[in-house]
Protein backbone atom coordinates (compact mmCIF):
# COMPACT_ATOMS: atom_id res chain seq x y z
CA MET A 1 -11.25 -21.56 3.07
CA LEU A 2 -14.19 -23.45 4.53
CA GLU A 3 -12.06 -24.39 7.57
CA PHE A 4 -11.18 -20.73 8.13
CA MET A 5 -14.80 -19.61 7.76
CA GLY A 6 -15.93 -22.22 10.29
CA GLN A 7 -13.24 -21.04 12.70
CA ALA A 8 -14.24 -17.40 12.19
CA PHE A 9 -17.96 -17.98 12.90
CA SER A 10 -17.13 -19.96 15.99
CA ASN A 11 -14.69 -17.26 17.33
CA PRO A 12 -16.35 -13.83 17.51
CA MET A 13 -13.03 -11.96 17.78
CA LEU A 14 -11.54 -13.72 14.80
CA LEU A 15 -14.68 -12.80 12.86
CA VAL A 16 -14.32 -9.14 13.95
CA SER A 17 -10.59 -9.25 13.01
CA THR A 18 -11.48 -10.69 9.59
CA VAL A 19 -14.13 -8.10 8.88
CA LEU A 20 -11.87 -5.22 9.96
CA THR A 21 -8.94 -6.55 7.88
CA LEU A 22 -11.22 -6.77 4.88
CA GLY A 23 -12.24 -3.20 5.65
CA VAL A 24 -8.63 -2.09 5.65
CA ILE A 25 -8.03 -3.88 2.31
CA LEU A 26 -11.12 -2.15 0.88
CA VAL A 27 -9.83 1.27 2.13
CA ASN A 28 -6.40 0.42 0.64
CA GLY A 29 -8.22 -0.21 -2.65
CA TRP A 30 -9.68 3.25 -2.81
CA THR A 31 -6.70 5.12 -1.36
CA ASP A 32 -3.51 3.24 -2.35
CA ALA A 33 -4.40 1.13 -5.43
CA PRO A 34 -5.55 4.18 -7.56
CA ASN A 35 -1.93 5.49 -7.42
CA ALA A 36 -0.99 2.55 -9.68
CA ILE A 37 -3.41 3.64 -12.45
CA ALA A 38 -3.41 7.41 -11.81
CA THR A 39 -1.09 8.40 -14.58
CA CYS A 40 -2.58 6.31 -17.40
CA VAL A 41 -6.05 7.53 -16.50
CA SER A 42 -4.98 11.17 -16.12
CA THR A 43 -3.47 11.20 -19.64
CA ARG A 44 -6.57 9.43 -21.01
CA ALA A 45 -4.57 6.41 -22.18
CA ILE A 46 -7.31 4.21 -20.74
CA SER A 47 -10.76 4.79 -19.23
CA VAL A 48 -11.32 4.68 -15.51
CA ARG A 49 -13.50 1.57 -15.66
CA LYS A 50 -11.02 -0.40 -17.80
CA ALA A 51 -8.16 0.74 -15.59
CA ILE A 52 -9.94 -0.51 -12.44
CA VAL A 53 -10.53 -3.93 -14.00
CA MET A 54 -6.89 -4.04 -15.08
CA ALA A 55 -5.74 -3.03 -11.63
CA ALA A 56 -7.84 -5.77 -9.94
CA ILE A 57 -6.47 -8.49 -12.26
CA CYS A 58 -2.84 -7.25 -11.98
CA ASN A 59 -3.13 -6.87 -8.18
CA PHE A 60 -4.06 -10.55 -7.98
CA LEU A 61 -1.26 -11.63 -10.28
CA GLY A 62 1.18 -9.53 -8.17
CA VAL A 63 0.00 -11.20 -4.99
CA LEU A 64 0.19 -14.68 -6.49
CA VAL A 65 3.49 -14.40 -8.31
CA MET A 66 5.50 -12.47 -5.76
CA THR A 67 4.21 -14.40 -2.78
CA THR A 68 5.19 -17.59 -4.51
CA VAL A 69 8.64 -16.26 -5.47
CA ASN A 70 9.42 -14.31 -2.31
CA ALA A 71 7.11 -13.79 0.69
CA SER A 72 9.70 -11.80 2.65
CA VAL A 73 7.55 -8.63 2.75
CA ALA A 74 4.75 -10.58 4.46
CA MET A 75 7.22 -12.08 6.88
CA THR A 76 8.50 -8.59 7.80
CA ILE A 77 5.02 -7.44 8.71
CA TYR A 78 4.26 -10.73 10.43
CA ASN A 79 7.25 -10.37 12.73
CA MET A 80 7.22 -6.59 13.18
CA VAL A 81 5.60 -6.56 16.63
CA ASP A 82 5.08 -8.84 19.60
CA PHE A 83 1.62 -8.61 21.19
CA GLY A 84 2.75 -10.68 24.21
CA GLY A 85 2.08 -14.24 25.31
CA ASP A 86 -1.74 -14.06 25.61
CA ALA A 87 -3.22 -14.95 22.25
CA HIS A 88 -6.77 -13.79 23.15
CA LEU A 89 -5.59 -10.34 24.20
CA SER A 90 -3.33 -10.22 21.16
CA LEU A 91 -6.34 -10.79 18.85
CA ILE A 92 -8.24 -8.02 20.58
CA ALA A 93 -5.33 -5.61 20.11
CA LEU A 94 -5.04 -6.60 16.44
CA CYS A 95 -8.74 -5.84 15.92
CA ALA A 96 -8.20 -2.41 17.51
CA ALA A 97 -5.25 -1.71 15.19
CA MET A 98 -7.37 -2.51 12.16
CA ALA A 99 -10.15 -0.22 13.35
CA ALA A 100 -7.65 2.60 13.81
CA ILE A 101 -6.29 2.14 10.30
CA VAL A 102 -9.80 2.27 8.80
CA ILE A 103 -10.60 5.49 10.64
CA TRP A 104 -7.30 7.14 9.69
CA ALA A 105 -7.42 6.15 6.02
CA THR A 106 -11.06 7.08 5.59
CA ALA A 107 -10.39 10.55 6.98
CA ALA A 108 -7.48 11.00 4.57
CA TRP A 109 -9.58 9.78 1.68
CA TYR A 110 -12.34 12.31 2.61
CA PHE A 111 -9.85 15.13 2.08
CA GLY A 112 -8.53 13.57 -1.15
CA ILE A 113 -5.04 12.97 0.32
CA PRO A 114 -3.30 9.74 -0.81
CA THR A 115 -2.08 8.59 2.59
CA SER A 116 0.01 5.42 2.85
CA GLU A 117 -1.91 2.41 4.11
CA SER A 118 1.37 0.59 4.40
CA HIS A 119 2.66 3.10 6.96
CA ALA A 120 -0.76 3.32 8.67
CA LEU A 121 -0.71 -0.51 8.97
CA ILE A 122 2.77 -0.50 10.53
CA ALA A 123 1.92 2.38 12.82
CA GLY A 124 -1.44 0.96 13.89
CA ILE A 125 -0.14 -2.47 14.87
CA SER A 126 2.92 -0.92 16.62
CA GLY A 127 0.67 1.40 18.67
CA ALA A 128 -1.54 -1.58 19.62
CA ALA A 129 1.55 -3.67 20.63
CA VAL A 130 2.76 -0.81 22.91
CA ALA A 131 -0.72 -0.57 24.44
CA ILE A 132 -0.96 -4.25 25.27
CA GLN A 133 2.58 -4.49 26.78
CA ASN A 134 2.56 -1.02 28.29
CA SER A 135 6.07 -0.50 26.92
CA PHE A 136 8.05 -0.51 23.71
CA ALA A 137 9.16 -4.10 24.36
CA GLY A 138 6.60 -5.26 21.73
CA ILE A 139 8.43 -3.40 18.88
CA ASN A 140 10.85 -5.47 16.80
CA GLY A 141 13.59 -2.96 16.11
CA ALA A 142 15.24 -5.07 13.41
CA GLU A 143 12.06 -5.11 11.30
CA TRP A 144 11.47 -1.38 11.88
CA VAL A 145 14.91 -0.72 10.41
CA LYS A 146 13.59 -2.20 7.16
CA VAL A 147 10.64 0.27 7.38
CA LEU A 148 12.98 3.23 7.68
CA TRP A 149 15.03 1.99 4.77
CA GLY A 150 11.76 1.65 2.84
CA ILE A 151 10.86 5.29 3.52
CA LEU A 152 14.27 6.37 2.20
CA LEU A 153 14.05 4.09 -0.82
CA SER A 154 10.51 5.03 -1.81
CA THR A 155 11.20 8.77 -1.44
CA VAL A 156 14.71 9.32 -2.72
CA LEU A 157 14.97 6.45 -5.24
CA GLY A 158 11.43 7.12 -6.54
CA PHE A 159 12.23 10.79 -7.24
CA VAL A 160 15.65 10.07 -8.73
CA LEU A 161 14.48 7.27 -10.96
CA GLY A 162 11.52 9.40 -12.12
CA PHE A 163 13.86 12.26 -13.02
CA LEU A 164 16.41 10.01 -14.80
CA THR A 165 13.79 7.92 -16.59
CA SER A 166 12.09 11.05 -17.97
CA LYS A 167 15.41 12.49 -19.10
CA LEU A 168 16.42 9.22 -20.76
CA THR A 169 13.06 8.83 -22.50
CA VAL A 170 13.32 12.31 -24.00
CA LEU A 171 16.88 11.60 -25.12
CA ILE A 172 15.93 8.30 -26.85
CA PHE A 173 12.90 9.70 -28.56
CA ARG A 174 14.23 13.14 -29.45
CA ASN A 175 14.33 12.47 -33.25
CA GLN A 176 11.13 10.49 -33.47
CA ASN A 177 7.90 11.69 -35.10
CA ARG A 178 5.90 13.37 -32.35
CA MET A 179 2.52 11.94 -33.30
CA LYS A 180 3.86 8.34 -33.51
CA SER A 181 5.65 8.80 -30.16
CA GLU A 182 2.41 9.99 -28.54
CA ARG A 183 0.55 6.92 -29.77
CA PHE A 184 3.34 4.65 -28.60
CA PHE A 185 3.44 6.17 -25.07
CA SER A 186 -0.34 6.02 -24.76
CA ARG A 187 -0.18 2.29 -25.26
CA ALA A 188 2.98 1.92 -23.19
CA GLN A 189 1.22 3.75 -20.29
CA VAL A 190 -1.41 1.05 -20.12
CA VAL A 191 1.32 -1.55 -19.81
CA GLY A 192 3.06 0.63 -17.22
CA GLY A 193 -0.15 1.01 -15.26
CA GLY A 194 -0.63 -2.75 -15.27
CA ALA A 195 2.95 -3.23 -14.02
CA MET A 196 2.39 -0.71 -11.24
CA ALA A 197 -0.79 -2.55 -10.19
CA PHE A 198 1.10 -5.83 -10.28
CA MET A 199 3.78 -4.45 -7.94
CA HIS A 200 1.08 -2.89 -5.68
CA GLY A 201 -0.39 -6.39 -5.21
CA ALA A 202 3.13 -7.75 -4.61
CA GLN A 203 3.79 -5.17 -1.84
CA ASP A 204 0.44 -4.33 -0.19
CA GLY A 205 -1.28 -7.68 -0.84
CA GLN A 206 1.48 -9.43 1.16
CA LYS A 207 1.16 -6.99 4.06
CA PHE A 208 -2.58 -7.54 4.52
CA MET A 209 -2.37 -11.29 4.07
CA ALA A 210 0.18 -11.33 6.89
CA ILE A 211 -2.37 -9.63 9.17
CA PHE A 212 -5.09 -12.13 8.14
CA LEU A 213 -2.79 -15.04 9.05
CA LEU A 214 -1.63 -13.31 12.25
CA GLY A 215 -5.29 -13.09 13.41
CA ALA A 216 -5.79 -16.80 12.54
CA ALA A 217 -2.71 -17.72 14.57
CA PHE A 218 -3.98 -15.78 17.57
CA ALA A 219 -7.42 -17.42 17.24
CA ASN A 220 -5.72 -20.81 17.42
CA GLY A 221 -4.06 -19.81 20.72
CA ASN A 222 -0.63 -19.36 19.04
CA SER A 223 1.08 -16.05 19.70
CA THR A 224 4.64 -17.05 18.75
CA THR A 225 4.28 -18.45 15.22
CA SER A 226 7.04 -17.20 12.89
CA GLN A 227 6.28 -19.28 9.74
CA PHE A 228 3.20 -19.38 7.61
CA ALA A 229 1.82 -20.52 4.16
CA VAL A 230 -0.44 -18.23 2.12
CA PRO A 231 -3.47 -20.04 0.60
CA ILE A 232 -4.65 -19.24 -2.92
CA TRP A 233 -8.13 -18.32 -1.76
CA LEU A 234 -6.71 -15.57 0.47
CA MET A 235 -4.78 -14.08 -2.49
CA VAL A 236 -7.98 -14.05 -4.57
CA LEU A 237 -10.00 -12.51 -1.73
CA CYS A 238 -7.43 -9.73 -1.13
CA SER A 239 -7.22 -8.77 -4.81
CA LEU A 240 -11.01 -8.77 -5.24
CA VAL A 241 -11.62 -6.56 -2.24
CA MET A 242 -8.85 -4.15 -3.36
CA GLY A 243 -10.47 -3.89 -6.81
CA LEU A 244 -13.88 -3.22 -5.23
CA GLY A 245 -12.36 -0.43 -3.11
CA THR A 246 -10.76 1.17 -6.21
CA SER A 247 -14.09 1.10 -8.05
CA ILE A 248 -15.87 2.79 -5.10
CA GLY A 249 -13.60 5.69 -4.39
CA GLY A 250 -10.50 5.66 -6.50
CA TYR A 251 -11.19 8.70 -8.68
CA ARG A 252 -10.58 11.21 -5.85
CA ILE A 253 -6.98 9.90 -5.40
CA ILE A 254 -6.43 9.62 -9.14
CA LYS A 255 -7.24 13.26 -9.54
CA SER A 256 -5.01 14.34 -6.67
CA VAL A 257 -1.95 12.27 -7.81
CA GLY A 258 -2.32 12.18 -11.58
CA MET A 259 -3.90 15.52 -12.32
CA ASP A 260 -3.41 18.07 -9.56
CA MET A 261 0.17 17.46 -8.56
CA VAL A 262 1.75 17.50 -12.06
CA LYS A 263 0.17 17.99 -15.50
CA LEU A 264 1.51 14.92 -17.23
CA LYS A 265 2.18 14.19 -20.88
CA PRO A 266 1.95 10.53 -22.04
CA TYR A 267 5.79 10.05 -22.08
CA GLN A 268 5.93 11.45 -18.52
CA GLY A 269 3.25 9.14 -17.32
CA PHE A 270 5.15 6.19 -18.80
CA SER A 271 8.38 7.35 -17.18
CA ALA A 272 6.74 7.68 -13.80
CA ASP A 273 5.22 4.15 -14.06
CA LEU A 274 8.51 2.64 -15.15
CA ALA A 275 10.47 4.35 -12.38
CA ALA A 276 7.99 3.39 -9.66
CA THR A 277 7.70 -0.21 -10.89
CA LEU A 278 11.51 -0.63 -10.78
CA CYS A 279 11.64 0.77 -7.24
CA LEU A 280 8.87 -1.51 -6.03
CA LEU A 281 10.36 -4.53 -7.66
CA LEU A 282 13.71 -3.91 -5.93
CA SER A 283 12.04 -3.40 -2.55
CA SER A 284 9.85 -6.54 -2.93
CA LEU A 285 12.76 -8.82 -3.81
CA THR A 286 14.74 -7.51 -0.83
CA GLY A 287 11.87 -7.82 1.59
CA ILE A 288 11.64 -4.11 2.40
CA PRO A 289 8.04 -2.96 2.98
CA VAL A 290 7.70 0.32 1.12
CA SER A 291 4.74 2.56 0.43
CA THR A 292 3.35 2.31 -3.12
CA THR A 293 1.84 5.79 -2.54
CA HIS A 294 5.18 7.33 -1.66
CA THR A 295 6.97 5.56 -4.50
CA LYS A 296 4.51 6.57 -7.21
CA THR A 297 4.03 10.15 -6.05
CA THR A 298 7.73 10.85 -5.68
CA ALA A 299 8.35 9.28 -9.15
CA ILE A 300 5.74 11.68 -10.53
CA MET A 301 7.48 14.57 -8.77
CA GLY A 302 10.81 13.48 -10.35
CA VAL A 303 9.26 13.29 -13.80
CA GLY A 304 7.73 16.79 -13.42
CA ALA A 305 10.99 18.29 -12.09
CA ALA A 306 12.93 16.75 -15.03
CA ARG A 307 11.14 19.17 -17.30
CA ARG A 308 10.88 22.20 -15.01
CA MET A 309 10.72 22.47 -11.18
CA SER A 310 7.79 24.80 -11.64
CA ASN A 311 5.80 21.98 -13.34
CA VAL A 312 5.28 20.43 -9.88
CA ASN A 313 2.46 21.79 -7.80
CA TRP A 314 4.43 22.19 -4.59
CA GLY A 315 1.24 23.10 -2.67
CA VAL A 316 -0.15 19.58 -3.31
CA VAL A 317 3.28 18.14 -2.49
CA LYS A 318 3.32 19.96 0.83
CA GLU A 319 -0.09 18.43 1.76
CA LEU A 320 1.16 14.97 0.81
CA VAL A 321 4.35 15.28 2.85
CA LEU A 322 2.51 16.61 5.82
CA THR A 323 0.13 13.64 5.78
CA TRP A 324 3.00 11.17 5.42
CA VAL A 325 4.86 12.73 8.36
CA CYS A 326 1.70 12.64 10.54
CA THR A 327 0.82 9.01 9.67
CA PHE A 328 3.31 7.28 12.01
CA PRO A 329 2.60 9.28 15.15
CA GLY A 330 -1.05 9.92 14.31
CA CYS A 331 -2.08 6.36 13.39
CA GLY A 332 0.27 4.94 16.02
CA LEU A 333 -1.47 6.98 18.76
CA LEU A 334 -4.87 6.04 17.37
CA GLY A 335 -3.88 2.36 17.37
CA TYR A 336 -2.68 2.72 20.98
CA LEU A 337 -5.95 4.38 22.15
CA MET A 338 -8.17 1.94 20.23
CA ALA A 339 -6.27 -1.01 21.71
CA LYS A 340 -6.78 0.38 25.27
CA LEU A 341 -10.46 0.85 24.55
CA PHE A 342 -10.88 -2.60 23.03
CA LEU A 343 -9.06 -4.24 25.92
CA ILE A 344 -11.40 -2.53 28.41
CA LEU A 345 -14.45 -3.54 26.39
CA PHE A 346 -13.61 -7.07 25.34
CA ALA A 347 -10.78 -8.50 27.54
């Protein structure tokens, strides 16, 4: 850590890249991380303050355990684009991409829309890579295929698993005492929220650590590195900054996802958490970078639809889908424009 800090303070662009990446992680904390605990907070299974502490701890454990077991998600992000052979210009473009993501995500948070920082990250760095190469040669098509699979997985599988998990839960507990079942699901939701936060760290933590290490590689004059090792201090830093972001602005997203879209009962909240956790675990083990926002919200939609389609507030869903659709072209274009601007100012 001390070596990295010394390097950052001696290299202004690496310092800017580090600060901006921390800014993106902070924004992720207040826009993406709250999705993990939205259901258990909305059904009052746990207080907001306790849920945020739980999310911070489980985010760190997710980063630590899954990065140790399988760092393929980080590798996918690391190898997604090629900024060209000039490491200095690559670092400038990376800074521009981080600035674009912060702007995009903050605007979405202002309107209370849970945009996907995963997709904003992918779009931002892709736009910057196009800007620096003046062509699409900087886009790694093989890694982008994984992203497209991730969209399909998080959307379709999240909804289907949410629907089936809710139906199965009702079937298993149909003859149980209602009061006892409610108490059980209230406790189970806390566990489910912790599992979701764990998987959020496993997915999103890896993505942002890859950007950190990419910036360090560029600062060292290396623009072709394809292997890396993730230090423990970086895992701790990412999880702490995510937790701070959740404590600052998480309630807005919790309300949008956990309260406005579907009015959830405890068993439904548990079903949504279980479905989303399974989907995220599958994607993490296979190295597919999915959006935790998409996965959790589509799982909630599936749970609501399992009871009645009218239980889902399709007006809120429409806003979410519109934001998701606009993220790739919108944040990609913003990343492109910011990269062109940064290259003019700092190259």
